[in-house]
Amino acid sequence: MSDATLTIRTDNATKQDIANFAASLGLSTSAFITAATLQVMRDGQLTLTPTLEPTSYLEKIMLEVEEDIKHDRNITHTNSKEEAIAHLKSLM
């Protein structure tokens, strides 16, 4: 295999994060990027997954919901979709 150089631009923090991740796998950055590129070319796809960390707005809402549950507020107790729909319509 002959060597070719592939140059990408990224910020220093991202470069370090990639190097750290590659090292955690026991790979150099170059070996990691090569392996990832070969996998994409073999599979014909790239799967990107978002981080699952809530925004500060969502965290606020989640805390409000936890308080509502704790104090039995803003909760409709029903096992029937018809009752739930009727309740929602009554709020309009």
N, C-alpha and C. Protein backbone atom coordinates (compact mmCIF):
# COMPACT_ATOMS: atom_id res chain seq x y z
N MET A 1 0.85 -1.18 0.00
CA MET A 1 0.00 0.00 0.00
C MET A 1 0.90 1.24 0.00
N SER A 2 0.66 2.10 -0.95
CA SER A 2 1.43 3.35 -0.97
C SER A 2 0.75 4.36 -0.06
N ASP A 3 1.53 5.25 0.48
CA ASP A 3 1.00 6.26 1.39
C ASP A 3 0.54 7.48 0.63
N ALA A 4 -0.57 8.03 1.04
CA ALA A 4 -1.07 9.30 0.53
C ALA A 4 -1.46 10.12 1.74
N THR A 5 -1.38 11.43 1.61
CA THR A 5 -1.70 12.32 2.72
C THR A 5 -3.08 12.91 2.50
N LEU A 6 -3.87 12.87 3.54
CA LEU A 6 -5.20 13.49 3.55
C LEU A 6 -5.17 14.55 4.63
N THR A 7 -5.44 15.79 4.28
CA THR A 7 -5.40 16.89 5.23
C THR A 7 -6.82 17.38 5.49
N ILE A 8 -7.15 17.53 6.76
CA ILE A 8 -8.45 18.11 7.13
C ILE A 8 -8.22 19.29 8.05
N ARG A 9 -9.19 20.18 8.12
CA ARG A 9 -9.11 21.32 9.03
C ARG A 9 -10.12 21.10 10.16
N THR A 10 -9.64 21.31 11.36
CA THR A 10 -10.50 21.23 12.54
C THR A 10 -9.88 22.09 13.63
N ASP A 11 -10.63 22.36 14.66
CA ASP A 11 -10.08 23.15 15.77
C ASP A 11 -9.21 22.26 16.65
N ASN A 12 -8.37 22.88 17.45
CA ASN A 12 -7.43 22.14 18.29
C ASN A 12 -8.12 21.20 19.28
N ALA A 13 -9.23 21.65 19.85
CA ALA A 13 -9.93 20.82 20.83
C ALA A 13 -10.46 19.54 20.18
N THR A 14 -11.03 19.66 18.99
CA THR A 14 -11.53 18.48 18.28
C THR A 14 -10.39 17.55 17.91
N LYS A 15 -9.28 18.12 17.45
CA LYS A 15 -8.11 17.31 17.11
C LYS A 15 -7.65 16.50 18.32
N GLN A 16 -7.60 17.14 19.47
CA GLN A 16 -7.18 16.45 20.69
C GLN A 16 -8.19 15.39 21.11
N ASP A 17 -9.49 15.71 20.98
CA ASP A 17 -10.53 14.73 21.31
C ASP A 17 -10.42 13.48 20.44
N ILE A 18 -10.16 13.68 19.15
CA ILE A 18 -10.01 12.54 18.23
C ILE A 18 -8.78 11.72 18.63
N ALA A 19 -7.68 12.40 18.92
CA ALA A 19 -6.45 11.70 19.33
C ALA A 19 -6.68 10.91 20.61
N ASN A 20 -7.38 11.50 21.57
CA ASN A 20 -7.67 10.81 22.84
C ASN A 20 -8.56 9.59 22.62
N PHE A 21 -9.59 9.76 21.78
CA PHE A 21 -10.50 8.65 21.50
C PHE A 21 -9.75 7.52 20.80
N ALA A 22 -8.96 7.88 19.79
CA ALA A 22 -8.18 6.87 19.07
C ALA A 22 -7.25 6.14 20.03
N ALA A 23 -6.60 6.88 20.91
CA ALA A 23 -5.68 6.27 21.89
C ALA A 23 -6.43 5.32 22.82
N SER A 24 -7.67 5.67 23.17
CA SER A 24 -8.45 4.79 24.05
C SER A 24 -8.76 3.46 23.37
N LEU A 25 -8.70 3.45 22.04
CA LEU A 25 -8.90 2.22 21.27
C LEU A 25 -7.58 1.53 20.95
N GLY A 26 -6.49 2.16 21.37
CA GLY A 26 -5.17 1.60 21.09
C GLY A 26 -4.67 1.91 19.70
N LEU A 27 -5.20 2.99 19.11
CA LEU A 27 -4.84 3.36 17.74
C LEU A 27 -4.23 4.75 17.71
N SER A 28 -3.43 4.98 16.68
CA SER A 28 -2.98 6.34 16.41
C SER A 28 -4.15 7.08 15.75
N THR A 29 -4.05 8.39 15.71
CA THR A 29 -5.10 9.17 15.03
C THR A 29 -5.20 8.75 13.57
N SER A 30 -4.06 8.58 12.93
CA SER A 30 -4.04 8.18 11.53
C SER A 30 -4.70 6.82 11.32
N ALA A 31 -4.36 5.86 12.17
CA ALA A 31 -4.95 4.52 12.04
C ALA A 31 -6.46 4.56 12.29
N PHE A 32 -6.89 5.37 13.26
CA PHE A 32 -8.32 5.50 13.54
C PHE A 32 -9.06 6.09 12.35
N ILE A 33 -8.55 7.19 11.80
CA ILE A 33 -9.21 7.84 10.66
C ILE A 33 -9.23 6.90 9.45
N THR A 34 -8.14 6.17 9.24
CA THR A 34 -8.10 5.22 8.13
C THR A 34 -9.15 4.13 8.32
N ALA A 35 -9.23 3.57 9.54
CA ALA A 35 -10.21 2.52 9.81
C ALA A 35 -11.63 3.03 9.64
N ALA A 36 -11.91 4.23 10.15
CA ALA A 36 -13.26 4.80 10.02
C ALA A 36 -13.60 5.05 8.56
N THR A 37 -12.65 5.57 7.79
CA THR A 37 -12.88 5.84 6.38
C THR A 37 -13.12 4.54 5.61
N LEU A 38 -12.33 3.51 5.88
CA LEU A 38 -12.52 2.22 5.21
C LEU A 38 -13.87 1.62 5.54
N GLN A 39 -14.31 1.77 6.79
CA GLN A 39 -15.61 1.25 7.18
C GLN A 39 -16.73 1.96 6.43
N VAL A 40 -16.63 3.27 6.32
CA VAL A 40 -17.64 4.04 5.58
C VAL A 40 -17.67 3.61 4.12
N MET A 41 -16.51 3.43 3.53
CA MET A 41 -16.45 3.04 2.13
C MET A 41 -16.99 1.62 1.94
N ARG A 42 -16.70 0.71 2.89
CA ARG A 42 -17.18 -0.67 2.81
C ARG A 42 -18.70 -0.73 2.96
N ASP A 43 -19.23 -0.01 3.98
CA ASP A 43 -20.66 -0.08 4.29
C ASP A 43 -21.50 0.87 3.44
N GLY A 44 -20.85 1.88 2.88
CA GLY A 44 -21.60 2.84 2.06
C GLY A 44 -22.49 3.75 2.88
N GLN A 45 -22.19 3.87 4.16
CA GLN A 45 -23.01 4.73 5.00
C GLN A 45 -22.20 5.21 6.20
N LEU A 46 -22.68 6.28 6.79
CA LEU A 46 -22.08 6.84 7.99
C LEU A 46 -23.21 7.09 8.97
N THR A 47 -23.10 6.52 10.14
CA THR A 47 -24.13 6.72 11.16
C THR A 47 -23.61 7.72 12.18
N LEU A 48 -24.32 8.80 12.35
CA LEU A 48 -23.98 9.81 13.34
C LEU A 48 -25.06 9.79 14.41
N THR A 49 -24.66 9.73 15.66
CA THR A 49 -25.63 9.74 16.74
C THR A 49 -25.43 10.99 17.58
N PRO A 50 -26.51 11.68 17.86
CA PRO A 50 -26.39 12.89 18.67
C PRO A 50 -26.13 12.53 20.13
N THR A 51 -25.55 13.45 20.83
CA THR A 51 -25.41 13.25 22.26
C THR A 51 -26.79 13.35 22.89
N LEU A 52 -26.98 12.62 23.92
CA LEU A 52 -28.28 12.59 24.56
C LEU A 52 -28.28 13.39 25.85
N GLU A 53 -27.73 14.58 25.79
CA GLU A 53 -27.72 15.46 26.94
C GLU A 53 -28.79 16.52 26.74
N PRO A 54 -29.66 16.68 27.75
CA PRO A 54 -30.73 17.66 27.60
C PRO A 54 -30.19 19.10 27.64
N THR A 55 -30.88 19.96 26.93
CA THR A 55 -30.54 21.38 27.00
C THR A 55 -30.97 21.91 28.36
N SER A 56 -30.52 23.10 28.71
CA SER A 56 -30.91 23.68 30.00
C SER A 56 -32.43 23.90 30.05
N TYR A 57 -33.03 24.25 28.90
CA TYR A 57 -34.48 24.43 28.83
C TYR A 57 -35.19 23.11 29.14
N LEU A 58 -34.73 22.02 28.52
CA LEU A 58 -35.36 20.73 28.75
C LEU A 58 -35.13 20.26 30.20
N GLU A 59 -33.96 20.53 30.75
CA GLU A 59 -33.71 20.18 32.15
C GLU A 59 -34.69 20.88 33.08
N LYS A 60 -34.98 22.15 32.78
CA LYS A 60 -35.93 22.92 33.59
C LYS A 60 -37.32 22.27 33.52
N ILE A 61 -37.74 21.90 32.33
CA ILE A 61 -39.05 21.28 32.17
C ILE A 61 -39.09 19.93 32.89
N MET A 62 -38.01 19.17 32.79
CA MET A 62 -37.96 17.87 33.45
C MET A 62 -38.07 18.02 34.96
N LEU A 63 -37.42 19.03 35.52
CA LEU A 63 -37.53 19.28 36.96
C LEU A 63 -38.95 19.67 37.35
N GLU A 64 -39.60 20.48 36.51
CA GLU A 64 -40.99 20.87 36.78
C GLU A 64 -41.90 19.65 36.77
N VAL A 65 -41.68 18.76 35.80
CA VAL A 65 -42.50 17.54 35.71
C VAL A 65 -42.28 16.67 36.94
N GLU A 66 -41.03 16.52 37.36
CA GLU A 66 -40.75 15.73 38.56
C GLU A 66 -41.48 16.29 39.78
N GLU A 67 -41.50 17.62 39.90
CA GLU A 67 -42.23 18.26 41.02
C GLU A 67 -43.72 18.02 40.89
N ASP A 68 -44.25 18.12 39.65
CA ASP A 68 -45.68 17.87 39.44
C ASP A 68 -46.04 16.44 39.83
N ILE A 69 -45.21 15.49 39.45
CA ILE A 69 -45.47 14.09 39.79
C ILE A 69 -45.41 13.91 41.31
N LYS A 70 -44.41 14.49 41.91
CA LYS A 70 -44.23 14.37 43.37
C LYS A 70 -45.43 14.92 44.13
N HIS A 71 -46.02 16.02 43.62
CA HIS A 71 -47.14 16.67 44.31
C HIS A 71 -48.49 16.38 43.65
N ASP A 72 -48.50 15.42 42.72
CA ASP A 72 -49.74 15.02 42.03
C ASP A 72 -50.47 16.21 41.41
N ARG A 73 -49.70 17.06 40.72
CA ARG A 73 -50.25 18.23 40.04
C ARG A 73 -50.19 18.02 38.53
N ASN A 74 -51.15 18.63 37.83
CA ASN A 74 -51.14 18.64 36.37
C ASN A 74 -51.06 17.24 35.77
N ILE A 75 -51.72 16.29 36.44
CA ILE A 75 -51.71 14.90 35.98
C ILE A 75 -53.15 14.43 35.84
N THR A 76 -53.44 13.83 34.70
CA THR A 76 -54.75 13.24 34.48
C THR A 76 -54.65 11.75 34.72
N HIS A 77 -55.42 11.24 35.66
CA HIS A 77 -55.38 9.82 35.99
C HIS A 77 -56.47 9.11 35.20
N THR A 78 -56.07 8.40 34.18
CA THR A 78 -57.01 7.63 33.39
C THR A 78 -56.27 6.51 32.68
N ASN A 79 -56.98 5.45 32.40
CA ASN A 79 -56.43 4.35 31.60
C ASN A 79 -57.14 4.27 30.26
N SER A 80 -57.98 5.24 30.00
CA SER A 80 -58.79 5.22 28.79
C SER A 80 -58.38 6.37 27.87
N LYS A 81 -58.12 6.05 26.62
CA LYS A 81 -57.76 7.12 25.69
C LYS A 81 -58.93 8.06 25.47
N GLU A 82 -60.16 7.53 25.53
CA GLU A 82 -61.34 8.38 25.34
C GLU A 82 -61.44 9.41 26.46
N GLU A 83 -61.21 8.98 27.70
CA GLU A 83 -61.24 9.91 28.84
C GLU A 83 -60.12 10.95 28.71
N ALA A 84 -58.96 10.51 28.28
CA ALA A 84 -57.84 11.43 28.13
C ALA A 84 -58.16 12.47 27.05
N ILE A 85 -58.72 12.05 25.94
CA ILE A 85 -59.08 12.98 24.86
C ILE A 85 -60.17 13.93 25.32
N ALA A 86 -61.16 13.41 26.03
CA ALA A 86 -62.24 14.26 26.55
C ALA A 86 -61.66 15.30 27.50
N HIS A 87 -60.76 14.89 28.35
CA HIS A 87 -60.13 15.82 29.29
C HIS A 87 -59.37 16.91 28.53
N LEU A 88 -58.59 16.53 27.54
CA LEU A 88 -57.83 17.53 26.76
C LEU A 88 -58.77 18.49 26.04
N LYS A 89 -59.87 17.97 25.51
CA LYS A 89 -60.84 18.84 24.82
C LYS A 89 -61.49 19.82 25.80
N SER A 90 -61.68 19.37 27.05
CA SER A 90 -62.31 20.25 28.04
C SER A 90 -61.39 21.41 28.42
N LEU A 91 -60.11 21.27 28.18
CA LEU A 91 -59.16 22.32 28.50
C LEU A 91 -59.10 23.40 27.43
N MET A 92 -59.67 23.12 26.28
CA MET A 92 -59.63 24.08 25.16
C MET A 92 -60.65 25.17 25.30
